[in-house]
Amino acid sequence: MAKLKTIARRTFLIGSAAIAGGVAFGVYKYKTPYPNPLLKNLADGEAGLTPYVRIDASASH
């Protein structure tokens, strides 16, 4: 019976360490800034708001 408690405690500690490591890695990846790919190809008079939206000065209706 005592051995069963020891195994359960070790399992809990290993599982807790794995979860904490996963959370730490997730926070690291979430806070990593990614460059906006549109900013390197902008011409004069254009602005890139997000990687999906580019605004330019031409008025085409």
N, C-alpha and C. Protein backbone atom coordinates (compact mmCIF):
# COMPACT_ATOMS: atom_id res chain seq x y z
N MET A 1 0.82 -1.19 0.00
CA MET A 1 0.00 0.00 0.00
C MET A 1 0.86 1.26 0.00
N ALA A 2 1.96 1.25 0.77
CA ALA A 2 2.83 2.42 0.82
C ALA A 2 3.48 2.66 -0.54
N LYS A 3 3.81 1.59 -1.27
CA LYS A 3 4.42 1.74 -2.58
C LYS A 3 3.43 2.39 -3.57
N LEU A 4 2.17 2.08 -3.45
CA LEU A 4 1.16 2.67 -4.32
C LEU A 4 1.09 4.19 -4.12
N LYS A 5 1.18 4.65 -2.88
CA LYS A 5 1.16 6.08 -2.60
C LYS A 5 2.40 6.76 -3.16
N THR A 6 3.54 6.11 -3.08
CA THR A 6 4.77 6.68 -3.60
C THR A 6 4.70 6.83 -5.12
N ILE A 7 4.20 5.83 -5.79
CA ILE A 7 4.07 5.90 -7.24
C ILE A 7 3.09 7.00 -7.62
N ALA A 8 1.99 7.13 -6.94
CA ALA A 8 1.01 8.16 -7.26
C ALA A 8 1.59 9.55 -7.03
N ARG A 9 2.39 9.73 -6.00
CA ARG A 9 3.00 11.03 -5.72
C ARG A 9 4.01 11.36 -6.81
N ARG A 10 4.82 10.38 -7.21
CA ARG A 10 5.79 10.62 -8.28
C ARG A 10 5.08 10.94 -9.59
N THR A 11 4.03 10.22 -9.86
CA THR A 11 3.27 10.49 -11.07
C THR A 11 2.70 11.90 -11.05
N PHE A 12 2.18 12.31 -9.91
CA PHE A 12 1.64 13.67 -9.78
C PHE A 12 2.74 14.71 -9.98
N LEU A 13 3.91 14.50 -9.40
CA LEU A 13 5.00 15.46 -9.55
C LEU A 13 5.49 15.55 -10.99
N ILE A 14 5.64 14.41 -11.63
CA ILE A 14 6.08 14.41 -13.03
C ILE A 14 5.02 15.05 -13.93
N GLY A 15 3.77 14.73 -13.69
CA GLY A 15 2.69 15.34 -14.47
C GLY A 15 2.62 16.85 -14.26
N SER A 16 2.79 17.28 -13.02
CA SER A 16 2.76 18.72 -12.73
C SER A 16 3.91 19.44 -13.42
N ALA A 17 5.10 18.83 -13.40
CA ALA A 17 6.25 19.43 -14.08
C ALA A 17 6.02 19.52 -15.58
N ALA A 18 5.42 18.50 -16.16
CA ALA A 18 5.14 18.51 -17.60
C ALA A 18 4.13 19.61 -17.95
N ILE A 19 3.11 19.75 -17.15
CA ILE A 19 2.10 20.79 -17.41
C ILE A 19 2.71 22.18 -17.24
N ALA A 20 3.50 22.37 -16.19
CA ALA A 20 4.14 23.67 -15.97
C ALA A 20 5.09 24.01 -17.12
N GLY A 21 5.82 23.02 -17.62
CA GLY A 21 6.69 23.26 -18.75
C GLY A 21 5.91 23.62 -20.01
N GLY A 22 4.78 22.96 -20.22
CA GLY A 22 3.94 23.28 -21.36
C GLY A 22 3.35 24.67 -21.28
N VAL A 23 2.94 25.07 -20.10
CA VAL A 23 2.40 26.42 -19.91
C VAL A 23 3.50 27.45 -20.14
N ALA A 24 4.69 27.21 -19.61
CA ALA A 24 5.80 28.16 -19.79
C ALA A 24 6.16 28.29 -21.27
N PHE A 25 6.19 27.18 -22.00
CA PHE A 25 6.50 27.23 -23.43
C PHE A 25 5.39 27.96 -24.20
N GLY A 26 4.14 27.74 -23.83
CA GLY A 26 3.03 28.42 -24.48
C GLY A 26 3.07 29.92 -24.27
N VAL A 27 3.39 30.36 -23.07
CA VAL A 27 3.50 31.79 -22.78
C VAL A 27 4.65 32.39 -23.58
N TYR A 28 5.77 31.68 -23.65
CA TYR A 28 6.92 32.15 -24.43
C TYR A 28 6.54 32.33 -25.90
N LYS A 29 5.88 31.33 -26.49
CA LYS A 29 5.50 31.42 -27.90
C LYS A 29 4.44 32.51 -28.14
N TYR A 30 3.54 32.70 -27.17
CA TYR A 30 2.50 33.71 -27.31
C TYR A 30 3.10 35.11 -27.30
N LYS A 31 4.13 35.33 -26.49
CA LYS A 31 4.74 36.66 -26.36
C LYS A 31 5.83 36.92 -27.39
N THR A 32 6.17 35.95 -28.23
CA THR A 32 7.19 36.15 -29.25
C THR A 32 6.62 37.06 -30.34
N PRO A 33 7.27 38.20 -30.60
CA PRO A 33 6.77 39.09 -31.67
C PRO A 33 7.15 38.53 -33.04
N TYR A 34 6.21 38.56 -33.95
CA TYR A 34 6.45 38.12 -35.31
C TYR A 34 6.48 39.34 -36.22
N PRO A 35 7.38 39.38 -37.18
CA PRO A 35 7.46 40.54 -38.07
C PRO A 35 6.27 40.57 -39.04
N ASN A 36 5.86 41.77 -39.39
CA ASN A 36 4.78 41.97 -40.35
C ASN A 36 5.38 41.84 -41.75
N PRO A 37 4.99 40.82 -42.54
CA PRO A 37 5.61 40.62 -43.85
C PRO A 37 5.27 41.70 -44.87
N LEU A 38 4.23 42.50 -44.63
CA LEU A 38 3.87 43.55 -45.58
C LEU A 38 4.75 44.79 -45.46
N LEU A 39 5.40 44.98 -44.33
CA LEU A 39 6.15 46.22 -44.13
C LEU A 39 7.37 46.32 -45.03
N LYS A 40 7.96 45.22 -45.46
CA LYS A 40 9.16 45.30 -46.29
C LYS A 40 8.85 45.62 -47.75
N ASN A 41 7.62 45.48 -48.20
CA ASN A 41 7.26 45.72 -49.60
C ASN A 41 6.38 46.95 -49.78
N LEU A 42 6.36 47.86 -48.83
CA LEU A 42 5.50 49.03 -48.94
C LEU A 42 6.14 50.10 -49.81
N ALA A 43 5.32 50.72 -50.66
CA ALA A 43 5.77 51.84 -51.47
C ALA A 43 5.49 53.13 -50.72
N ASP A 44 5.93 54.25 -51.27
CA ASP A 44 5.63 55.55 -50.65
C ASP A 44 4.13 55.80 -50.66
N GLY A 45 3.59 56.25 -49.57
CA GLY A 45 2.16 56.54 -49.46
C GLY A 45 1.32 55.35 -49.05
N GLU A 46 1.94 54.22 -48.77
CA GLU A 46 1.21 53.03 -48.32
C GLU A 46 1.51 52.77 -46.85
N ALA A 47 0.55 52.12 -46.19
CA ALA A 47 0.73 51.74 -44.78
C ALA A 47 0.21 50.33 -44.59
N GLY A 48 0.88 49.57 -43.78
CA GLY A 48 0.42 48.22 -43.47
C GLY A 48 -0.07 48.17 -42.04
N LEU A 49 -1.36 47.94 -41.85
CA LEU A 49 -1.92 47.90 -40.51
C LEU A 49 -1.67 46.56 -39.83
N THR A 50 -1.99 45.51 -40.52
CA THR A 50 -1.81 44.15 -40.02
C THR A 50 -1.22 43.33 -41.16
N PRO A 51 -0.86 42.08 -40.94
CA PRO A 51 -0.36 41.27 -42.05
C PRO A 51 -1.41 41.04 -43.15
N TYR A 52 -2.65 41.42 -42.91
CA TYR A 52 -3.72 41.16 -43.86
C TYR A 52 -4.29 42.42 -44.50
N VAL A 53 -3.98 43.60 -43.97
CA VAL A 53 -4.58 44.84 -44.46
C VAL A 53 -3.48 45.79 -44.91
N ARG A 54 -3.56 46.23 -46.16
CA ARG A 54 -2.63 47.23 -46.69
C ARG A 54 -3.46 48.40 -47.20
N ILE A 55 -3.10 49.60 -46.81
CA ILE A 55 -3.81 50.81 -47.24
C ILE A 55 -2.86 51.59 -48.12
N ASP A 56 -3.38 51.97 -49.31
CA ASP A 56 -2.55 52.82 -50.17
C ASP A 56 -3.34 54.07 -50.54
N ALA A 57 -2.65 55.06 -51.09
CA ALA A 57 -3.26 56.36 -51.31
C ALA A 57 -4.10 56.45 -52.57
N SER A 58 -4.12 55.45 -53.43
CA SER A 58 -4.91 55.55 -54.65
C SER A 58 -6.40 55.48 -54.32
N ALA A 59 -7.16 56.28 -55.04
CA ALA A 59 -8.61 56.34 -54.79
C ALA A 59 -9.34 55.63 -55.92
N SER A 60 -9.46 54.34 -55.83
CA SER A 60 -10.20 53.60 -56.85
C SER A 60 -11.55 53.20 -56.26
N HIS A 61 -12.61 53.54 -56.95
CA HIS A 61 -13.96 53.26 -56.44
C HIS A 61 -14.56 52.11 -57.16
